[in-house]
Full PDB file with SEQRES, HELIX, SHEET, SSBOND, CRYST1, ORIGX, SCALE, CONECT and MASTER records, all heavy atoms in Angstrom:
SEQRES   1 A   35  GLU ALA VAL TRP PHE LYS THR GLY ALA LEU LEU LEU ASP          
SEQRES   2 A   35  GLY ASN THR LEU SER TYR PHE GLY LYS ASN ILE PRO ILE          
SEQRES   3 A   35  ASN LEU VAL LEU ALA VAL VAL ALA GLU                          
HELIX    1 AA1 TRP A    4  LEU A   12  1                                   9    
HELIX    2 AA2 LEU A   28  ALA A   34  1                                   7    
SHEET    1 AA1 2 LEU A  17  TYR A  19  0                                        
SHEET    2 AA1 2 LYS A  22  ILE A  24 -1                                        
CRYST1    1.000    1.000    1.000  90.00  90.00  90.00 P 1           1          
ORIGX1      1.000000  0.000000  0.000000        0.00000                         
ORIGX2      0.000000  1.000000  0.000000        0.00000                         
ORIGX3      0.000000  0.000000  1.000000        0.00000                         
SCALE1      1.000000  0.000000  0.000000        0.00000                         
SCALE2      0.000000  1.000000  0.000000        0.00000                         
SCALE3      0.000000  0.000000  1.000000        0.00000                         
ATOM      1  N   GLU A   1     -17.381   2.819  -9.115  1.00  0.00           N  
ATOM      2  CA  GLU A   1     -16.514   2.486  -7.982  1.00  0.00           C  
ATOM      3  C   GLU A   1     -17.311   1.696  -6.944  1.00  0.00           C  
ATOM      4  O   GLU A   1     -17.712   2.212  -5.911  1.00  0.00           O  
ATOM      5  CB  GLU A   1     -15.931   3.760  -7.357  1.00  0.00           C  
ATOM      6  CG  GLU A   1     -15.125   4.600  -8.312  1.00  0.00           C  
ATOM      7  CD  GLU A   1     -13.815   3.927  -8.722  1.00  0.00           C  
ATOM      8  OE1 GLU A   1     -13.466   2.892  -8.124  1.00  0.00           O  
ATOM      9  OE2 GLU A   1     -13.156   4.428  -9.636  1.00  0.00           O  
ATOM     10  N   ALA A   2     -17.550   0.432  -7.245  1.00  0.00           N  
ATOM     11  CA  ALA A   2     -18.324  -0.396  -6.315  1.00  0.00           C  
ATOM     12  C   ALA A   2     -17.446  -1.070  -5.287  1.00  0.00           C  
ATOM     13  O   ALA A   2     -17.942  -1.844  -4.472  1.00  0.00           O  
ATOM     14  CB  ALA A   2     -19.104  -1.450  -7.095  1.00  0.00           C  
ATOM     15  N   VAL A   3     -16.132  -0.821  -5.316  1.00  0.00           N  
ATOM     16  CA  VAL A   3     -15.232  -1.405  -4.324  1.00  0.00           C  
ATOM     17  C   VAL A   3     -15.448  -0.685  -2.995  1.00  0.00           C  
ATOM     18  O   VAL A   3     -15.628   0.538  -2.955  1.00  0.00           O  
ATOM     19  CB  VAL A   3     -13.770  -1.285  -4.789  1.00  0.00           C  
ATOM     20  CG1 VAL A   3     -12.830  -1.942  -3.790  1.00  0.00           C  
ATOM     21  CG2 VAL A   3     -13.611  -1.921  -6.159  1.00  0.00           C  
ATOM     22  N   TRP A   4     -15.381  -1.418  -1.920  1.00  0.00           N  
ATOM     23  CA  TRP A   4     -15.812  -0.880  -0.629  1.00  0.00           C  
ATOM     24  C   TRP A   4     -15.029   0.344  -0.196  1.00  0.00           C  
ATOM     25  O   TRP A   4     -15.599   1.319   0.298  1.00  0.00           O  
ATOM     26  CB  TRP A   4     -15.731  -1.972   0.441  1.00  0.00           C  
ATOM     27  CG  TRP A   4     -14.346  -2.464   0.754  1.00  0.00           C  
ATOM     28  CD1 TRP A   4     -13.690  -3.481   0.136  1.00  0.00           C  
ATOM     29  CD2 TRP A   4     -13.463  -1.955   1.751  1.00  0.00           C  
ATOM     30  NE1 TRP A   4     -12.445  -3.646   0.681  1.00  0.00           N  
ATOM     31  CE2 TRP A   4     -12.279  -2.727   1.679  1.00  0.00           C  
ATOM     32  CE3 TRP A   4     -13.542  -0.945   2.702  1.00  0.00           C  
ATOM     33  CZ2 TRP A   4     -11.184  -2.509   2.519  1.00  0.00           C  
ATOM     34  CZ3 TRP A   4     -12.470  -0.733   3.537  1.00  0.00           C  
ATOM     35  CH2 TRP A   4     -11.304  -1.502   3.442  1.00  0.00           C  
ATOM     36  N   PHE A   5     -13.704   0.367  -0.381  1.00  0.00           N  
ATOM     37  CA  PHE A   5     -12.941   1.515   0.107  1.00  0.00           C  
ATOM     38  C   PHE A   5     -13.022   2.693  -0.857  1.00  0.00           C  
ATOM     39  O   PHE A   5     -12.777   3.837  -0.475  1.00  0.00           O  
ATOM     40  CB  PHE A   5     -11.480   1.122   0.370  1.00  0.00           C  
ATOM     41  CG  PHE A   5     -10.760   0.554  -0.815  1.00  0.00           C  
ATOM     42  CD1 PHE A   5     -10.112   1.370  -1.719  1.00  0.00           C  
ATOM     43  CD2 PHE A   5     -10.717  -0.816  -1.010  1.00  0.00           C  
ATOM     44  CE1 PHE A   5      -9.447   0.846  -2.804  1.00  0.00           C  
ATOM     45  CE2 PHE A   5     -10.047  -1.362  -2.087  1.00  0.00           C  
ATOM     46  CZ  PHE A   5      -9.409  -0.531  -2.999  1.00  0.00           C  
ATOM     47  N   LYS A   6     -13.367   2.452  -2.113  1.00  0.00           N  
ATOM     48  CA  LYS A   6     -13.506   3.545  -3.071  1.00  0.00           C  
ATOM     49  C   LYS A   6     -14.866   4.225  -2.957  1.00  0.00           C  
ATOM     50  O   LYS A   6     -15.027   5.377  -3.385  1.00  0.00           O  
ATOM     51  CB  LYS A   6     -13.292   3.030  -4.485  1.00  0.00           C  
ATOM     52  CG  LYS A   6     -11.870   2.532  -4.729  1.00  0.00           C  
ATOM     53  CD  LYS A   6     -11.676   2.068  -6.163  1.00  0.00           C  
ATOM     54  CE  LYS A   6     -10.234   1.583  -6.375  1.00  0.00           C  
ATOM     55  NZ  LYS A   6      -9.997   1.108  -7.758  1.00  0.00           N  
ATOM     56  N   THR A   7     -15.841   3.526  -2.386  1.00  0.00           N  
ATOM     57  CA  THR A   7     -17.151   4.151  -2.165  1.00  0.00           C  
ATOM     58  C   THR A   7     -17.035   5.314  -1.184  1.00  0.00           C  
ATOM     59  O   THR A   7     -17.610   6.388  -1.382  1.00  0.00           O  
ATOM     60  CB  THR A   7     -18.155   3.108  -1.628  1.00  0.00           C  
ATOM     61  OG1 THR A   7     -18.269   2.054  -2.571  1.00  0.00           O  
ATOM     62  CG2 THR A   7     -19.510   3.732  -1.400  1.00  0.00           C  
ATOM     63  N   GLY A   8     -16.279   5.107  -0.130  1.00  0.00           N  
ATOM     64  CA  GLY A   8     -16.052   6.204   0.816  1.00  0.00           C  
ATOM     65  C   GLY A   8     -15.298   7.350   0.189  1.00  0.00           C  
ATOM     66  O   GLY A   8     -15.551   8.529   0.504  1.00  0.00           O  
ATOM     67  N   ALA A   9     -14.359   7.039  -0.723  1.00  0.00           N  
ATOM     68  CA  ALA A   9     -13.623   8.108  -1.397  1.00  0.00           C  
ATOM     69  C   ALA A   9     -14.544   8.964  -2.263  1.00  0.00           C  
ATOM     70  O   ALA A   9     -14.352  10.183  -2.368  1.00  0.00           O  
ATOM     71  CB  ALA A   9     -12.511   7.501  -2.252  1.00  0.00           C  
ATOM     72  N   LEU A  10     -15.550   8.340  -2.871  1.00  0.00           N  
ATOM     73  CA  LEU A  10     -16.507   9.108  -3.661  1.00  0.00           C  
ATOM     74  C   LEU A  10     -17.260  10.119  -2.805  1.00  0.00           C  
ATOM     75  O   LEU A  10     -17.441  11.283  -3.196  1.00  0.00           O  
ATOM     76  CB  LEU A  10     -17.515   8.162  -4.329  1.00  0.00           C  
ATOM     77  CG  LEU A  10     -17.038   7.382  -5.555  1.00  0.00           C  
ATOM     78  CD1 LEU A  10     -18.115   6.402  -6.003  1.00  0.00           C  
ATOM     79  CD2 LEU A  10     -16.684   8.321  -6.699  1.00  0.00           C  
ATOM     80  N   LEU A  11     -17.675   9.689  -1.635  1.00  0.00           N  
ATOM     81  CA  LEU A  11     -18.390  10.607  -0.744  1.00  0.00           C  
ATOM     82  C   LEU A  11     -17.477  11.715  -0.259  1.00  0.00           C  
ATOM     83  O   LEU A  11     -17.906  12.870  -0.118  1.00  0.00           O  
ATOM     84  CB  LEU A  11     -18.976   9.827   0.438  1.00  0.00           C  
ATOM     85  CG  LEU A  11     -20.063   8.803   0.113  1.00  0.00           C  
ATOM     86  CD1 LEU A  11     -20.500   8.080   1.378  1.00  0.00           C  
ATOM     87  CD2 LEU A  11     -21.254   9.467  -0.553  1.00  0.00           C  
ATOM     88  N   LEU A  12     -16.213  11.378   0.017  1.00  0.00           N  
ATOM     89  CA  LEU A  12     -15.273  12.402   0.460  1.00  0.00           C  
ATOM     90  C   LEU A  12     -15.015  13.432  -0.628  1.00  0.00           C  
ATOM     91  O   LEU A  12     -14.735  14.605  -0.341  1.00  0.00           O  
ATOM     92  CB  LEU A  12     -13.956  11.754   0.892  1.00  0.00           C  
ATOM     93  CG  LEU A  12     -13.998  10.966   2.203  1.00  0.00           C  
ATOM     94  CD1 LEU A  12     -12.672  10.253   2.433  1.00  0.00           C  
ATOM     95  CD2 LEU A  12     -14.311  11.887   3.377  1.00  0.00           C  
ATOM     96  N   ASP A  13     -15.116  13.036  -1.872  1.00  0.00           N  
ATOM     97  CA  ASP A  13     -14.910  13.959  -3.000  1.00  0.00           C  
ATOM     98  C   ASP A  13     -16.160  14.742  -3.345  1.00  0.00           C  
ATOM     99  O   ASP A  13     -16.176  15.490  -4.334  1.00  0.00           O  
ATOM    100  CB  ASP A  13     -14.443  13.177  -4.233  1.00  0.00           C  
ATOM    101  CG  ASP A  13     -13.039  12.622  -4.055  1.00  0.00           C  
ATOM    102  OD1 ASP A  13     -12.292  13.159  -3.199  1.00  0.00           O  
ATOM    103  OD2 ASP A  13     -12.689  11.647  -4.753  1.00  0.00           O  
ATOM    104  N   GLY A  14     -17.239  14.559  -2.582  1.00  0.00           N  
ATOM    105  CA  GLY A  14     -18.462  15.315  -2.823  1.00  0.00           C  
ATOM    106  C   GLY A  14     -19.410  14.670  -3.806  1.00  0.00           C  
ATOM    107  O   GLY A  14     -20.409  15.293  -4.199  1.00  0.00           O  
ATOM    108  N   ASN A  15     -19.141  13.443  -4.222  1.00  0.00           N  
ATOM    109  CA  ASN A  15     -20.014  12.762  -5.168  1.00  0.00           C  
ATOM    110  C   ASN A  15     -21.113  11.990  -4.427  1.00  0.00           C  
ATOM    111  O   ASN A  15     -21.100  11.874  -3.198  1.00  0.00           O  
ATOM    112  CB  ASN A  15     -19.208  11.797  -6.044  1.00  0.00           C  
ATOM    113  CG  ASN A  15     -18.161  12.536  -6.864  1.00  0.00           C  
ATOM    114  OD1 ASN A  15     -18.445  13.576  -7.445  1.00  0.00           O  
ATOM    115  ND2 ASN A  15     -16.939  12.002  -6.893  1.00  0.00           N  
ATOM    116  N   THR A  16     -22.050  11.459  -5.189  1.00  0.00           N  
ATOM    117  CA  THR A  16     -23.109  10.624  -4.631  1.00  0.00           C  
ATOM    118  C   THR A  16     -22.962   9.198  -5.159  1.00  0.00           C  
ATOM    119  O   THR A  16     -22.139   8.931  -6.036  1.00  0.00           O  
ATOM    120  CB  THR A  16     -24.501  11.176  -5.001  1.00  0.00           C  
ATOM    121  OG1 THR A  16     -24.591  11.280  -6.428  1.00  0.00           O  
ATOM    122  CG2 THR A  16     -24.716  12.547  -4.387  1.00  0.00           C  
ATOM    123  N   LEU A  17     -23.760   8.307  -4.626  1.00  0.00           N  
ATOM    124  CA  LEU A  17     -23.664   6.905  -4.988  1.00  0.00           C  
ATOM    125  C   LEU A  17     -24.653   6.554  -6.084  1.00  0.00           C  
ATOM    126  O   LEU A  17     -25.641   7.255  -6.314  1.00  0.00           O  
ATOM    127  CB  LEU A  17     -23.938   6.033  -3.758  1.00  0.00           C  
ATOM    128  CG  LEU A  17     -23.045   6.288  -2.542  1.00  0.00           C  
ATOM    129  CD1 LEU A  17     -23.458   5.382  -1.388  1.00  0.00           C  
ATOM    130  CD2 LEU A  17     -21.584   6.077  -2.885  1.00  0.00           C  
ATOM    131  N   SER A  18     -24.366   5.446  -6.767  1.00  0.00           N  
ATOM    132  CA  SER A  18     -25.237   4.962  -7.830  1.00  0.00           C  
ATOM    133  C   SER A  18     -25.310   3.448  -7.741  1.00  0.00           C  
ATOM    134  O   SER A  18     -24.285   2.758  -7.746  1.00  0.00           O  
ATOM    135  CB  SER A  18     -24.705   5.378  -9.206  1.00  0.00           C  
ATOM    136  OG  SER A  18     -25.499   4.817 -10.236  1.00  0.00           O  
ATOM    137  N   TYR A  19     -26.525   2.932  -7.641  1.00  0.00           N  
ATOM    138  CA  TYR A  19     -26.736   1.489  -7.588  1.00  0.00           C  
ATOM    139  C   TYR A  19     -27.800   1.105  -8.604  1.00  0.00           C  
ATOM    140  O   TYR A  19     -28.855   1.725  -8.677  1.00  0.00           O  
ATOM    141  CB  TYR A  19     -27.170   1.034  -6.190  1.00  0.00           C  
ATOM    142  CG  TYR A  19     -26.025   0.968  -5.211  1.00  0.00           C  
ATOM    143  CD1 TYR A  19     -25.765   2.015  -4.332  1.00  0.00           C  
ATOM    144  CD2 TYR A  19     -25.188  -0.147  -5.173  1.00  0.00           C  
ATOM    145  CE1 TYR A  19     -24.709   1.942  -3.442  1.00  0.00           C  
ATOM    146  CE2 TYR A  19     -24.132  -0.222  -4.278  1.00  0.00           C  
ATOM    147  CZ  TYR A  19     -23.898   0.819  -3.425  1.00  0.00           C  
ATOM    148  OH  TYR A  19     -22.843   0.757  -2.548  1.00  0.00           O  
ATOM    149  N   PHE A  20     -27.488   0.085  -9.411  1.00  0.00           N  
ATOM    150  CA  PHE A  20     -28.390  -0.432 -10.435  1.00  0.00           C  
ATOM    151  C   PHE A  20     -28.854   0.678 -11.381  1.00  0.00           C  
ATOM    152  O   PHE A  20     -30.005   0.720 -11.818  1.00  0.00           O  
ATOM    153  CB  PHE A  20     -29.598  -1.118  -9.790  1.00  0.00           C  
ATOM    154  CG  PHE A  20     -29.214  -2.253  -8.885  1.00  0.00           C  
ATOM    155  CD1 PHE A  20     -29.217  -2.089  -7.514  1.00  0.00           C  
ATOM    156  CD2 PHE A  20     -28.836  -3.477  -9.412  1.00  0.00           C  
ATOM    157  CE1 PHE A  20     -28.856  -3.140  -6.681  1.00  0.00           C  
ATOM    158  CE2 PHE A  20     -28.469  -4.527  -8.576  1.00  0.00           C  
ATOM    159  CZ  PHE A  20     -28.477  -4.367  -7.206  1.00  0.00           C  
ATOM    160  N   GLY A  21     -27.938   1.585 -11.672  1.00  0.00           N  
ATOM    161  CA  GLY A  21     -28.232   2.655 -12.613  1.00  0.00           C  
ATOM    162  C   GLY A  21     -29.039   3.799 -12.040  1.00  0.00           C  
ATOM    163  O   GLY A  21     -29.381   4.732 -12.772  1.00  0.00           O  
ATOM    164  N   LYS A  22     -29.355   3.740 -10.747  1.00  0.00           N  
ATOM    165  CA  LYS A  22     -30.150   4.794 -10.119  1.00  0.00           C  
ATOM    166  C   LYS A  22     -29.256   5.603  -9.187  1.00  0.00           C  
ATOM    167  O   LYS A  22     -28.524   5.038  -8.371  1.00  0.00           O  
ATOM    168  CB  LYS A  22     -31.311   4.193  -9.314  1.00  0.00           C  
ATOM    169  CG  LYS A  22     -32.252   3.322 -10.126  1.00  0.00           C  
ATOM    170  CD  LYS A  22     -33.016   4.135 -11.155  1.00  0.00           C  
ATOM    171  CE  LYS A  22     -34.014   3.245 -11.899  1.00  0.00           C  
ATOM    172  NZ  LYS A  22     -34.786   4.020 -12.907  1.00  0.00           N  
ATOM    173  N   ASN A  23     -29.330   6.917  -9.330  1.00  0.00           N  
ATOM    174  CA  ASN A  23     -28.547   7.782  -8.466  1.00  0.00           C  
ATOM    175  C   ASN A  23     -29.177   7.866  -7.077  1.00  0.00           C  
ATOM    176  O   ASN A  23     -30.384   8.056  -6.939  1.00  0.00           O  
ATOM    177  CB  ASN A  23     -28.446   9.181  -9.074  1.00  0.00           C  
ATOM    178  CG  ASN A  23     -27.537  10.074  -8.253  1.00  0.00           C  
ATOM    179  OD1 ASN A  23     -26.407   9.700  -7.950  1.00  0.00           O  
ATOM    180  ND2 ASN A  23     -28.033  11.253  -7.895  1.00  0.00           N  
ATOM    181  N   ILE A  24     -28.354   7.706  -6.057  1.00  0.00           N  
ATOM    182  CA  ILE A  24     -28.825   7.779  -4.672  1.00  0.00           C  
ATOM    183  C   ILE A  24     -28.293   9.078  -4.068  1.00  0.00           C  
ATOM    184  O   ILE A  24     -27.093   9.239  -3.889  1.00  0.00           O  
ATOM    185  CB  ILE A  24     -28.329   6.564  -3.860  1.00  0.00           C  
ATOM    186  CG1 ILE A  24     -28.838   5.276  -4.497  1.00  0.00           C  
ATOM    187  CG2 ILE A  24     -28.803   6.666  -2.406  1.00  0.00           C  
ATOM    188  CD1 ILE A  24     -28.355   4.027  -3.807  1.00  0.00           C  
ATOM    189  N   PRO A  25     -29.167  10.014  -3.774  1.00  0.00           N  
ATOM    190  CA  PRO A  25     -28.713  11.333  -3.307  1.00  0.00           C  
ATOM    191  C   PRO A  25     -28.247  11.319  -1.853  1.00  0.00           C  
ATOM    192  O   PRO A  25     -28.869  11.912  -0.966  1.00  0.00           O  
ATOM    193  CB  PRO A  25     -29.952  12.210  -3.485  1.00  0.00           C  
ATOM    194  CG  PRO A  25     -31.096  11.271  -3.320  1.00  0.00           C  
ATOM    195  CD  PRO A  25     -30.641   9.960  -3.898  1.00  0.00           C  
ATOM    196  N   ILE A  26     -27.157  10.618  -1.605  1.00  0.00           N  
ATOM    197  CA  ILE A  26     -26.582  10.557  -0.262  1.00  0.00           C  
ATOM    198  C   ILE A  26     -25.176  11.132  -0.335  1.00  0.00           C  
ATOM    199  O   ILE A  26     -24.312  10.589  -1.017  1.00  0.00           O  
ATOM    200  CB  ILE A  26     -26.529   9.109   0.269  1.00  0.00           C  
ATOM    201  CG1 ILE A  26     -27.948   8.553   0.407  1.00  0.00           C  
ATOM    202  CG2 ILE A  26     -25.819   9.063   1.614  1.00  0.00           C  
ATOM    203  CD1 ILE A  26     -27.991   7.121   0.901  1.00  0.00           C  
ATOM    204  N   ASN A  27     -24.972  12.240   0.356  1.00  0.00           N  
ATOM    205  CA  ASN A  27     -23.633  12.806   0.413  1.00  0.00           C  
ATOM    206  C   ASN A  27     -22.980  12.421   1.733  1.00  0.00           C  
ATOM    207  O   ASN A  27     -23.541  11.694   2.548  1.00  0.00           O  
ATOM    208  CB  ASN A  27     -23.672  14.325   0.229  1.00  0.00           C  
ATOM    209  CG  ASN A  27     -24.612  15.001   1.213  1.00  0.00           C  
ATOM    210  OD1 ASN A  27     -24.846  14.489   2.312  1.00  0.00           O  
ATOM    211  ND2 ASN A  27     -25.158  16.154   0.827  1.00  0.00           N  
ATOM    212  N   LEU A  28     -21.781  12.932   1.955  1.00  0.00           N  
ATOM    213  CA  LEU A  28     -21.025  12.544   3.143  1.00  0.00           C  
ATOM    214  C   LEU A  28     -21.723  12.967   4.425  1.00  0.00           C  
ATOM    215  O   LEU A  28     -21.791  12.198   5.397  1.00  0.00           O  
ATOM    216  CB  LEU A  28     -19.619  13.146   3.072  1.00  0.00           C  
ATOM    217  CG  LEU A  28     -18.693  12.796   4.241  1.00  0.00           C  
ATOM    218  CD1 LEU A  28     -18.463  11.293   4.308  1.00  0.00           C  
ATOM    219  CD2 LEU A  28     -17.371  13.536   4.104  1.00  0.00           C  
ATOM    220  N   VAL A  29     -22.265  14.188   4.459  1.00  0.00           N  
ATOM    221  CA  VAL A  29     -22.913  14.683   5.678  1.00  0.00           C  
ATOM    222  C   VAL A  29     -24.125  13.825   6.026  1.00  0.00           C  
ATOM    223  O   VAL A  29     -24.321  13.411   7.185  1.00  0.00           O  
ATOM    224  CB  VAL A  29     -23.316  16.158   5.496  1.00  0.00           C  
ATOM    225  CG1 VAL A  29     -24.109  16.647   6.718  1.00  0.00           C  
ATOM    226  CG2 VAL A  29     -22.086  17.024   5.266  1.00  0.00           C  
ATOM    227  N   LEU A  30     -24.946  13.524   5.026  1.00  0.00           N  
ATOM    228  CA  LEU A  30     -26.141  12.715   5.269  1.00  0.00           C  
ATOM    229  C   LEU A  30     -25.768  11.300   5.711  1.00  0.00           C  
ATOM    230  O   LEU A  30     -26.431  10.723   6.589  1.00  0.00           O  
ATOM    231  CB  LEU A  30     -27.000  12.666   4.004  1.00  0.00           C  
ATOM    232  CG  LEU A  30     -28.350  11.959   4.126  1.00  0.00           C  
ATOM    233  CD1 LEU A  30     -29.188  12.593   5.225  1.00  0.00           C  
ATOM    234  CD2 LEU A  30     -29.085  11.977   2.799  1.00  0.00           C  
ATOM    235  N   ALA A  31     -24.711  10.753   5.137  1.00  0.00           N  
ATOM    236  CA  ALA A  31     -24.271   9.414   5.523  1.00  0.00           C  
ATOM    237  C   ALA A  31     -23.810   9.388   6.976  1.00  0.00           C  
ATOM    238  O   ALA A  31     -24.136   8.460   7.730  1.00  0.00           O  
ATOM    239  CB  ALA A  31     -23.161   8.937   4.598  1.00  0.00           C  
ATOM    240  N   VAL A  32     -23.068  10.401   7.401  1.00  0.00           N  
ATOM    241  CA  VAL A  32     -22.583  10.457   8.780  1.00  0.00           C  
ATOM    242  C   VAL A  32     -23.747  10.624   9.747  1.00  0.00           C  
ATOM    243  O   VAL A  32     -23.809   9.953  10.793  1.00  0.00           O  
ATOM    244  CB  VAL A  32     -21.567  11.600   8.934  1.00  0.00           C  
ATOM    245  CG1 VAL A  32     -21.220  11.810  10.411  1.00  0.00           C  
ATOM    246  CG2 VAL A  32     -20.301  11.303   8.141  1.00  0.00           C  
ATOM    247  N   VAL A  33     -24.697  11.512   9.425  1.00  0.00           N  
ATOM    248  CA  VAL A  33     -25.846  11.725  10.298  1.00  0.00           C  
ATOM    249  C   VAL A  33     -26.669  10.447  10.422  1.00  0.00           C  
ATOM    250  O   VAL A  33     -27.112  10.066  11.514  1.00  0.00           O  
ATOM    251  CB  VAL A  33     -26.712  12.881   9.775  1.00  0.00           C  
ATOM    252  CG1 VAL A  33     -28.019  12.970  10.560  1.00  0.00           C  
ATOM    253  CG2 VAL A  33     -25.951  14.198   9.872  1.00  0.00           C  
ATOM    254  N   ALA A  34     -26.867   9.756   9.301  1.00  0.00           N  
ATOM    255  CA  ALA A  34     -27.644   8.512   9.333  1.00  0.00           C  
ATOM    256  C   ALA A  34     -26.967   7.462  10.199  1.00  0.00           C  
ATOM    257  O   ALA A  34     -27.624   6.757  10.975  1.00  0.00           O  
ATOM    258  CB  ALA A  34     -27.840   7.989   7.908  1.00  0.00           C  
ATOM    259  N   GLU A  35     -25.649   7.364  10.095  1.00  0.00           N  
ATOM    260  CA  GLU A  35     -24.929   6.384  10.912  1.00  0.00           C  
ATOM    261  C   GLU A  35     -25.020   6.719  12.395  1.00  0.00           C  
ATOM    262  O   GLU A  35     -25.218   5.831  13.234  1.00  0.00           O  
ATOM    263  CB  GLU A  35     -23.470   6.310  10.469  1.00  0.00           C  
ATOM    264  CG  GLU A  35     -23.272   5.628   9.126  1.00  0.00           C  
ATOM    265  CD  GLU A  35     -21.806   5.459   8.785  1.00  0.00           C  
ATOM    266  OE1 GLU A  35     -20.963   5.781   9.652  1.00  0.00           O  
ATOM    267  OE2 GLU A  35     -21.505   5.029   7.665  1.00  0.00           O  
TER     268      GLU A  35                                                      
MASTER        0    0    0    2    2    0    0    6  267    1    0    3          
END                                                                             
């Protein structure tokens, strides 16, 4: 789900992100705190 609005949906569902085959351990709480 590399589409911009679906990336946020992944975090809302409790999932993490993946770029270039590497898992990025960023959940919703960490993303909000970082912002």
